[in-house]
Each structure stands twice: as C-alpha cells, then as structure tokens.
C-alpha cells in the first residue's frame, strides 16, 4: 500500500484525469482496502469472541477501542466500527515501513561503527541478557540504545519533509513573508544536518544524545524526527 501511495500519479498534476484512473492506482488501492477490511474484521471478531469467553490475555489497543465503543459516553461523535478500522489502518501504515526502515538504517550505521555496535550490545547483554528479548520495561534502562536510535532518526528521519502545514494568518519567518493559506514544508533532513546546530553533523555519534540532551517531543526545533505541535507523530510516544 505504501508503494501505491508514493507512486507518481498523473491525476495529481492534472486533476481532471482523476476519474479515468489511467494508471489503475485507484483500482489497486480499492482492492487492498477490501483485503485490509477483511483482516480487520477477523481481528475484531476474534477480540469480541475472547471477550465473550472472559479471556484476559489480549488486553491490547483494539480491545480498549471495542470497550470504548460499547460503553459509549458523552461524546458528540460516537466511536463506530469504521472509526476503529481507520485507527487500525493508521497504526499499520504508520508503524510498519517507518519502523523497518529506521531499523535498517540503524544496522547500516552501526555496521560502519564497530565501537558503537559493541557498546550497544554490551548494554543489551547487561540489562536484558543474552537469552531474553527486549521488553517495554527494559527501554528506560537502555540509554545508549535509545541514543543510537535517536541518532539514526537524526541522520535518516522517517519523513525528510514533514507533513504540509498551512498558516492561518500571514506571518514572517526568518525575514520571509508567508502568506495566509500557503503550503509550508519543513525540511527536517536539512535541519538535522545543519552544522550551525550540530557538531560534525554527518558523523554518526550517539553520544551526542546522552545525558538527556536533544528532546524529540517537538519542543526543540533543531530536532524534529516526529514533527511538532498538535500534529506530531504519535509514534514518538512509543519510544
């Protein structure tokens, strides 16, 4: 699906051709959506069945959403099954390619830096053990591994150009006037490699992120791997 989303589409440049689907992208996307809908239906049916049987093993995000839907509440926009499927789709699309690509870049960078790889491995061995897997409870005890991933996201941000923004009013940024309604793209890739903000910006050096320096929550505008503001990527809270 990500391949289809990123594929150049002639109708983006000539909107009038969109109804003809000359490249077949719309047809392929509709087919994928039907497949995903079937997968989500199976997942939802499985959780509902487990809930009826009183199972407690799968108290996950989907279970929480289903309970929220059942309980209702005072919201003016009640949670529907369509909303739940949309959230599952967001999680799947936003958490697969992004995670795998970041892991690949981390492996590629540490392979060229044996000292970094050795230090990360020793930390994992000491905290997790050689015969165990990393659990969520281990993350806070792995500061160097966190630094490795932060440095990976600095050099190889998931979204080199952050999602488009649009100023609600005319404003001035860096001496440039940005008219109201303009489409603004923030180049995170360039910001993360700016020598005026980073020492040896092209060098893979996780140590720069030790001791709590550089916050990726969006408050530090020199480091924006997850974006900033109300539209910040929710994936940043999972690390």
C-alpha atoms as a PDB file:
ATOM      1  CA  UNK A   1       0.000   0.000   0.000  1.00  0.00           C
ATOM      2  CA  UNK A   2       2.830   2.419   0.796  1.00  0.00           C
ATOM      3  CA  UNK A   3       4.186   1.760  -2.677  1.00  0.00           C
ATOM      4  CA  UNK A   4       0.874   2.803  -4.207  1.00  0.00           C
ATOM      5  CA  UNK A   5       0.622   5.891  -2.021  1.00  0.00           C
ATOM      6  CA  UNK A   6       4.096   7.074  -3.008  1.00  0.00           C
ATOM      7  CA  UNK A   7       3.743   6.228  -6.711  1.00  0.00           C
ATOM      8  CA  UNK A   8       3.606   9.299  -9.000  1.00  0.00           C
ATOM      9  CA  UNK A   9       0.014   9.818 -10.093  1.00  0.00           C
ATOM     10  CA  UNK A  10      -0.752  11.800 -13.230  1.00  0.00           C
ATOM     11  CA  UNK A  11      -4.073  12.954 -11.744  1.00  0.00           C
ATOM     12  CA  UNK A  12      -2.153  14.855  -9.043  1.00  0.00           C
ATOM     13  CA  UNK A  13      -0.866  17.130 -11.792  1.00  0.00           C
ATOM     14  CA  UNK A  14      -3.996  17.023 -13.973  1.00  0.00           C
ATOM     15  CA  UNK A  15      -6.980  16.600 -11.587  1.00  0.00           C
ATOM     16  CA  UNK A  16      -9.412  16.349 -14.478  1.00  0.00           C
ATOM     17  CA  UNK A  17      -7.929  12.958 -15.378  1.00  0.00           C
ATOM     18  CA  UNK A  18      -8.604  11.532 -11.906  1.00  0.00           C
ATOM     19  CA  UNK A  19     -11.949   9.988 -12.852  1.00  0.00           C
ATOM     20  CA  UNK A  20     -10.317   7.888 -15.576  1.00  0.00           C
ATOM     21  CA  UNK A  21      -7.758   6.156 -13.288  1.00  0.00           C
ATOM     22  CA  UNK A  22      -5.317   5.882 -16.194  1.00  0.00           C
ATOM     23  CA  UNK A  23      -2.645   4.113 -14.135  1.00  0.00           C
ATOM     24  CA  UNK A  24      -5.020   1.796 -12.293  1.00  0.00           C
ATOM     25  CA  UNK A  25      -3.862   3.105  -8.927  1.00  0.00           C
ATOM     26  CA  UNK A  26      -7.391   3.684  -7.618  1.00  0.00           C
ATOM     27  CA  UNK A  27      -8.473   0.162  -8.603  1.00  0.00           C
ATOM     28  CA  UNK A  28      -5.462  -1.400  -6.899  1.00  0.00           C
ATOM     29  CA  UNK A  29      -5.982   0.711  -3.785  1.00  0.00           C
ATOM     30  CA  UNK A  30      -9.645  -0.278  -3.532  1.00  0.00           C
ATOM     31  CA  UNK A  31      -8.634  -3.931  -3.784  1.00  0.00           C
ATOM     32  CA  UNK A  32      -6.095  -3.511  -0.973  1.00  0.00           C
ATOM     33  CA  UNK A  33      -8.642  -1.714   1.184  1.00  0.00           C
ATOM     34  CA  UNK A  34     -11.065  -4.630   0.804  1.00  0.00           C
ATOM     35  CA  UNK A  35      -8.321  -7.044   1.874  1.00  0.00           C
ATOM     36  CA  UNK A  36      -7.433  -4.925   4.889  1.00  0.00           C
ATOM     37  CA  UNK A  37     -11.104  -4.622   5.815  1.00  0.00           C
ATOM     38  CA  UNK A  38     -11.352  -8.419   5.851  1.00  0.00           C
ATOM     39  CA  UNK A  39      -8.268  -8.684   8.057  1.00  0.00           C
ATOM     40  CA  UNK A  40      -9.618  -6.096  10.487  1.00  0.00           C
ATOM     41  CA  UNK A  41     -12.988  -7.870  10.609  1.00  0.00           C
ATOM     42  CA  UNK A  42     -11.223 -11.096  11.619  1.00  0.00           C
ATOM     43  CA  UNK A  43      -9.226  -9.299  14.317  1.00  0.00           C
ATOM     44  CA  UNK A  44     -12.343  -7.614  15.701  1.00  0.00           C
ATOM     45  CA  UNK A  45     -14.380 -10.841  15.664  1.00  0.00           C
ATOM     46  CA  UNK A  46     -11.549 -12.614  17.480  1.00  0.00           C
ATOM     47  CA  UNK A  47     -11.419  -9.961  20.208  1.00  0.00           C
ATOM     48  CA  UNK A  48     -15.201  -9.972  20.635  1.00  0.00           C
ATOM     49  CA  UNK A  49     -15.207 -13.762  20.943  1.00  0.00           C
ATOM     50  CA  UNK A  50     -12.422 -13.659  23.517  1.00  0.00           C
ATOM     51  CA  UNK A  51     -14.326 -11.018  25.460  1.00  0.00           C
ATOM     52  CA  UNK A  52     -17.443 -13.211  25.497  1.00  0.00           C
ATOM     53  CA  UNK A  53     -15.368 -16.111  26.807  1.00  0.00           C
ATOM     54  CA  UNK A  54     -13.884 -13.930  29.538  1.00  0.00           C
ATOM     55  CA  UNK A  55     -10.317 -14.155  28.270  1.00  0.00           C
ATOM     56  CA  UNK A  56      -7.833 -11.724  29.801  1.00  0.00           C
ATOM     57  CA  UNK A  57      -4.747 -12.406  27.672  1.00  0.00           C
ATOM     58  CA  UNK A  58      -5.398  -9.829  24.968  1.00  0.00           C
ATOM     59  CA  UNK A  59      -5.948  -6.525  26.751  1.00  0.00           C
ATOM     60  CA  UNK A  60      -4.499  -4.580  23.844  1.00  0.00           C
ATOM     61  CA  UNK A  61      -5.300  -1.371  21.955  1.00  0.00           C
ATOM     62  CA  UNK A  62      -8.054  -2.981  19.889  1.00  0.00           C
ATOM     63  CA  UNK A  63      -9.710  -4.430  22.992  1.00  0.00           C
ATOM     64  CA  UNK A  64      -9.673  -0.973  24.566  1.00  0.00           C
ATOM     65  CA  UNK A  65     -11.277   0.594  21.477  1.00  0.00           C
ATOM     66  CA  UNK A  66     -14.024  -2.030  21.401  1.00  0.00           C
ATOM     67  CA  UNK A  67     -14.784  -1.418  25.075  1.00  0.00           C
ATOM     68  CA  UNK A  68     -14.852   2.316  24.441  1.00  0.00           C
ATOM     69  CA  UNK A  69     -17.325   1.800  21.598  1.00  0.00           C
ATOM     70  CA  UNK A  70     -19.533  -0.406  23.749  1.00  0.00           C
ATOM     71  CA  UNK A  71     -19.548   1.985  26.706  1.00  0.00           C
ATOM     72  CA  UNK A  72     -20.416   4.959  24.526  1.00  0.00           C
ATOM     73  CA  UNK A  73     -20.040   8.081  26.617  1.00  0.00           C
ATOM     74  CA  UNK A  74     -20.975  11.720  26.244  1.00  0.00           C
ATOM     75  CA  UNK A  75     -19.043  12.389  23.049  1.00  0.00           C
ATOM     76  CA  UNK A  76     -20.985  14.173  20.298  1.00  0.00           C
ATOM     77  CA  UNK A  77     -19.248  11.885  17.793  1.00  0.00           C
ATOM     78  CA  UNK A  78     -19.729   8.284  18.958  1.00  0.00           C
ATOM     79  CA  UNK A  79     -16.991   5.793  18.168  1.00  0.00           C
ATOM     80  CA  UNK A  80     -18.079   3.486  15.346  1.00  0.00           C
ATOM     81  CA  UNK A  81     -16.598   0.346  13.817  1.00  0.00           C
ATOM     82  CA  UNK A  82     -15.495   2.461  10.856  1.00  0.00           C
ATOM     83  CA  UNK A  83     -13.510   4.708  13.216  1.00  0.00           C
ATOM     84  CA  UNK A  84     -11.881   1.672  14.816  1.00  0.00           C
ATOM     85  CA  UNK A  85     -10.864   0.244  11.443  1.00  0.00           C
ATOM     86  CA  UNK A  86      -9.463   3.630  10.416  1.00  0.00           C
ATOM     87  CA  UNK A  87      -7.339   3.759  13.573  1.00  0.00           C
ATOM     88  CA  UNK A  88      -6.063   0.238  12.917  1.00  0.00           C
ATOM     89  CA  UNK A  89      -5.171   1.260   9.371  1.00  0.00           C
ATOM     90  CA  UNK A  90      -3.296   4.314  10.663  1.00  0.00           C
ATOM     91  CA  UNK A  91      -1.318   2.155  13.079  1.00  0.00           C
ATOM     92  CA  UNK A  92      -0.490  -0.420  10.431  1.00  0.00           C
ATOM     93  CA  UNK A  93       0.562   2.063   7.756  1.00  0.00           C
ATOM     94  CA  UNK A  94       2.331   4.374  10.174  1.00  0.00           C
ATOM     95  CA  UNK A  95       4.144   1.681  12.113  1.00  0.00           C
ATOM     96  CA  UNK A  96       5.404  -0.846   9.562  1.00  0.00           C
ATOM     97  CA  UNK A  97       7.563   0.793   6.895  1.00  0.00           C
ATOM     98  CA  UNK A  98       8.686   3.506   9.305  1.00  0.00           C
ATOM     99  CA  UNK A  99       9.904   1.016  11.912  1.00  0.00           C
ATOM    100  CA  UNK A 100      11.564  -1.358   9.460  1.00  0.00           C
ATOM    101  CA  UNK A 101      13.293   1.467   7.563  1.00  0.00           C
ATOM    102  CA  UNK A 102      14.631   3.016  10.768  1.00  0.00           C
ATOM    103  CA  UNK A 103      15.914  -0.371  11.948  1.00  0.00           C
ATOM    104  CA  UNK A 104      17.676  -0.915   8.610  1.00  0.00           C
ATOM    105  CA  UNK A 105      19.386   2.476   8.827  1.00  0.00           C
ATOM    106  CA  UNK A 106      20.413   1.755  12.438  1.00  0.00           C
ATOM    107  CA  UNK A 107      22.002  -1.554  11.415  1.00  0.00           C
ATOM    108  CA  UNK A 108      23.712   0.068   8.426  1.00  0.00           C
ATOM    109  CA  UNK A 109      25.188   2.873  10.538  1.00  0.00           C
ATOM    110  CA  UNK A 110      26.364   0.660  13.407  1.00  0.00           C
ATOM    111  CA  UNK A 111      27.993  -1.783  10.983  1.00  0.00           C
ATOM    112  CA  UNK A 112      30.355   1.022   9.976  1.00  0.00           C
ATOM    113  CA  UNK A 113      30.963   1.866  13.649  1.00  0.00           C
ATOM    114  CA  UNK A 114      32.029  -1.356  15.433  1.00  0.00           C
ATOM    115  CA  UNK A 115      32.648   0.525  18.688  1.00  0.00           C
ATOM    116  CA  UNK A 116      29.061   1.796  18.716  1.00  0.00           C
ATOM    117  CA  UNK A 117      27.663  -1.649  17.937  1.00  0.00           C
ATOM    118  CA  UNK A 118      29.805  -3.232  20.658  1.00  0.00           C
ATOM    119  CA  UNK A 119      28.699  -0.705  23.264  1.00  0.00           C
ATOM    120  CA  UNK A 120      25.024  -1.190  22.402  1.00  0.00           C
ATOM    121  CA  UNK A 121      25.432  -4.977  22.506  1.00  0.00           C
ATOM    122  CA  UNK A 122      27.104  -4.886  25.923  1.00  0.00           C
ATOM    123  CA  UNK A 123      24.290  -2.725  27.278  1.00  0.00           C
ATOM    124  CA  UNK A 124      21.688  -5.177  25.953  1.00  0.00           C
ATOM    125  CA  UNK A 125      23.570  -8.141  27.418  1.00  0.00           C
ATOM    126  CA  UNK A 126      23.830  -6.460  30.824  1.00  0.00           C
ATOM    127  CA  UNK A 127      20.221  -5.268  31.029  1.00  0.00           C
ATOM    128  CA  UNK A 128      18.244  -7.843  29.046  1.00  0.00           C
ATOM    129  CA  UNK A 129      20.512 -10.878  28.912  1.00  0.00           C
ATOM    130  CA  UNK A 130      21.688 -12.983  26.003  1.00  0.00           C
ATOM    131  CA  UNK A 131      18.783 -15.435  26.111  1.00  0.00           C
ATOM    132  CA  UNK A 132      15.922 -12.950  26.519  1.00  0.00           C
ATOM    133  CA  UNK A 133      14.098 -10.460  24.322  1.00  0.00           C
ATOM    134  CA  UNK A 134      13.681  -6.740  24.931  1.00  0.00           C
ATOM    135  CA  UNK A 135      10.503  -5.843  26.809  1.00  0.00           C
ATOM    136  CA  UNK A 136       8.923  -2.425  27.226  1.00  0.00           C
ATOM    137  CA  UNK A 137      10.104  -2.335  30.847  1.00  0.00           C
ATOM    138  CA  UNK A 138      13.716  -2.516  29.648  1.00  0.00           C
ATOM    139  CA  UNK A 139      13.618   0.635  27.497  1.00  0.00           C
ATOM    140  CA  UNK A 140      14.236   3.127  30.309  1.00  0.00           C
ATOM    141  CA  UNK A 141      17.294   1.084  31.322  1.00  0.00           C
ATOM    142  CA  UNK A 142      18.856   1.209  27.847  1.00  0.00           C
ATOM    143  CA  UNK A 143      20.015   4.835  27.462  1.00  0.00           C
ATOM    144  CA  UNK A 144      22.728   4.068  24.919  1.00  0.00           C
ATOM    145  CA  UNK A 145      20.402   2.064  22.683  1.00  0.00           C
ATOM    146  CA  UNK A 146      17.942   4.962  22.847  1.00  0.00           C
ATOM    147  CA  UNK A 147      20.768   7.306  21.839  1.00  0.00           C
ATOM    148  CA  UNK A 148      21.597   5.058  18.874  1.00  0.00           C
ATOM    149  CA  UNK A 149      18.005   5.216  17.650  1.00  0.00           C
ATOM    150  CA  UNK A 150      17.794   8.990  18.178  1.00  0.00           C
ATOM    151  CA  UNK A 151      20.976   9.497  16.174  1.00  0.00           C
ATOM    152  CA  UNK A 152      19.595   7.218  13.460  1.00  0.00           C
ATOM    153  CA  UNK A 153      16.452   9.347  13.271  1.00  0.00           C
ATOM    154  CA  UNK A 154      18.580  12.481  13.102  1.00  0.00           C
ATOM    155  CA  UNK A 155      20.533  11.346  10.051  1.00  0.00           C
ATOM    156  CA  UNK A 156      17.674   9.378   8.499  1.00  0.00           C
ATOM    157  CA  UNK A 157      14.328  10.925   9.529  1.00  0.00           C
ATOM    158  CA  UNK A 158      11.297   8.840   8.621  1.00  0.00           C
ATOM    159  CA  UNK A 159       9.776  11.860   6.883  1.00  0.00           C
ATOM    160  CA  UNK A 160      12.567  14.077   5.484  1.00  0.00           C
ATOM    161  CA  UNK A 161       9.871  16.601   4.562  1.00  0.00           C
ATOM    162  CA  UNK A 162       7.373  16.876   7.401  1.00  0.00           C
ATOM    163  CA  UNK A 163       3.641  16.821   6.547  1.00  0.00           C
ATOM    164  CA  UNK A 164       2.460  20.060   4.912  1.00  0.00           C
ATOM    165  CA  UNK A 165       1.343  22.908   7.145  1.00  0.00           C
ATOM    166  CA  UNK A 166      -0.771  25.926   6.298  1.00  0.00           C
ATOM    167  CA  UNK A 167      -0.580  29.234   8.220  1.00  0.00           C
ATOM    168  CA  UNK A 168      -3.976  30.526   9.325  1.00  0.00           C
ATOM    169  CA  UNK A 169      -2.676  34.095   9.103  1.00  0.00           C
ATOM    170  CA  UNK A 170       0.046  35.868   7.143  1.00  0.00           C
ATOM    171  CA  UNK A 171       3.277  35.681   9.130  1.00  0.00           C
ATOM    172  CA  UNK A 172       7.001  36.364   8.869  1.00  0.00           C
ATOM    173  CA  UNK A 173       9.600  33.626   9.370  1.00  0.00           C
ATOM    174  CA  UNK A 174      13.310  34.356   9.110  1.00  0.00           C
ATOM    175  CA  UNK A 175      12.618  37.582   7.276  1.00  0.00           C
ATOM    176  CA  UNK A 176      10.354  35.905   4.716  1.00  0.00           C
ATOM    177  CA  UNK A 177       6.656  36.736   4.462  1.00  0.00           C
ATOM    178  CA  UNK A 178       4.479  33.616   4.401  1.00  0.00           C
ATOM    179  CA  UNK A 179       1.007  34.494   3.046  1.00  0.00           C
ATOM    180  CA  UNK A 180      -2.085  33.091   4.692  1.00  0.00           C
ATOM    181  CA  UNK A 181      -3.083  29.759   3.164  1.00  0.00           C
ATOM    182  CA  UNK A 182       0.372  28.949   1.783  1.00  0.00           C
ATOM    183  CA  UNK A 183       1.545  25.355   1.828  1.00  0.00           C
ATOM    184  CA  UNK A 184       4.621  25.088   4.040  1.00  0.00           C
ATOM    185  CA  UNK A 185       7.011  22.118   4.033  1.00  0.00           C
ATOM    186  CA  UNK A 186       9.573  21.775   6.839  1.00  0.00           C
ATOM    187  CA  UNK A 187      12.810  20.133   5.691  1.00  0.00           C
ATOM    188  CA  UNK A 188      13.752  18.027   8.731  1.00  0.00           C
ATOM    189  CA  UNK A 189      16.571  16.316   6.806  1.00  0.00           C
ATOM    190  CA  UNK A 190      18.390  19.639   6.331  1.00  0.00           C
ATOM    191  CA  UNK A 191      17.688  20.861   9.875  1.00  0.00           C
ATOM    192  CA  UNK A 192      19.163  17.661  11.322  1.00  0.00           C
ATOM    193  CA  UNK A 193      22.371  18.114   9.305  1.00  0.00           C
ATOM    194  CA  UNK A 194      22.814  21.846   9.850  1.00  0.00           C
ATOM    195  CA  UNK A 195      26.427  22.475  11.006  1.00  0.00           C
ATOM    196  CA  UNK A 196      25.314  25.597  12.872  1.00  0.00           C
ATOM    197  CA  UNK A 197      23.248  23.384  15.203  1.00  0.00           C
ATOM    198  CA  UNK A 198      25.181  20.114  15.212  1.00  0.00           C
ATOM    199  CA  UNK A 199      28.860  19.387  15.742  1.00  0.00           C
ATOM    200  CA  UNK A 200      30.171  17.086  12.991  1.00  0.00           C
ATOM    201  CA  UNK A 201      26.627  16.732  11.598  1.00  0.00           C
ATOM    202  CA  UNK A 202      27.461  13.963   9.109  1.00  0.00           C
ATOM    203  CA  UNK A 203      29.140  11.773  11.736  1.00  0.00           C
ATOM    204  CA  UNK A 204      27.069   9.003  13.355  1.00  0.00           C
ATOM    205  CA  UNK A 205      27.661   9.750  17.039  1.00  0.00           C
ATOM    206  CA  UNK A 206      25.029   8.508  19.531  1.00  0.00           C
ATOM    207  CA  UNK A 207      26.964  10.084  22.416  1.00  0.00           C
ATOM    208  CA  UNK A 208      25.517  13.474  21.450  1.00  0.00           C
ATOM    209  CA  UNK A 209      22.130  12.241  22.723  1.00  0.00           C
ATOM    210  CA  UNK A 210      23.295  11.013  26.120  1.00  0.00           C
ATOM    211  CA  UNK A 211      22.532  12.867  29.359  1.00  0.00           C
ATOM    212  CA  UNK A 212      19.096  13.955  28.156  1.00  0.00           C
ATOM    213  CA  UNK A 213      20.317  16.368  25.501  1.00  0.00           C
ATOM    214  CA  UNK A 214      18.054  16.985  22.479  1.00  0.00           C
ATOM    215  CA  UNK A 215      14.362  16.433  23.069  1.00  0.00           C
ATOM    216  CA  UNK A 216      12.364  14.716  20.287  1.00  0.00           C
ATOM    217  CA  UNK A 217       8.965  15.737  21.689  1.00  0.00           C
ATOM    218  CA  UNK A 218       8.766  18.659  19.250  1.00  0.00           C
ATOM    219  CA  UNK A 219       9.798  21.401  21.676  1.00  0.00           C
ATOM    220  CA  UNK A 220      13.338  21.563  20.253  1.00  0.00           C
ATOM    221  CA  UNK A 221      13.084  22.840  16.689  1.00  0.00           C
ATOM    222  CA  UNK A 222      16.599  21.663  15.824  1.00  0.00           C
ATOM    223  CA  UNK A 223      15.482  18.033  16.177  1.00  0.00           C
ATOM    224  CA  UNK A 224      12.107  17.087  14.699  1.00  0.00           C
ATOM    225  CA  UNK A 225      12.057  13.370  13.793  1.00  0.00           C
ATOM    226  CA  UNK A 226       8.378  13.149  14.783  1.00  0.00           C
ATOM    227  CA  UNK A 227       7.311  16.649  13.824  1.00  0.00           C
ATOM    228  CA  UNK A 228       5.899  19.139  16.306  1.00  0.00           C
ATOM    229  CA  UNK A 229       2.694  20.601  17.660  1.00  0.00           C
ATOM    230  CA  UNK A 230      -0.780  19.077  17.599  1.00  0.00           C
ATOM    231  CA  UNK A 231       0.026  17.001  14.502  1.00  0.00           C
ATOM    232  CA  UNK A 232       3.138  15.405  15.987  1.00  0.00           C
ATOM    233  CA  UNK A 233       3.507  11.709  15.180  1.00  0.00           C
ATOM    234  CA  UNK A 234       2.046   9.517  17.934  1.00  0.00           C
ATOM    235  CA  UNK A 235       4.893   7.049  17.324  1.00  0.00           C
ATOM    236  CA  UNK A 236       7.186   9.343  19.286  1.00  0.00           C
ATOM    237  CA  UNK A 237       5.419   8.329  22.497  1.00  0.00           C
ATOM    238  CA  UNK A 238       6.163   4.662  21.905  1.00  0.00           C
ATOM    239  CA  UNK A 239       9.920   5.064  22.205  1.00  0.00           C
END
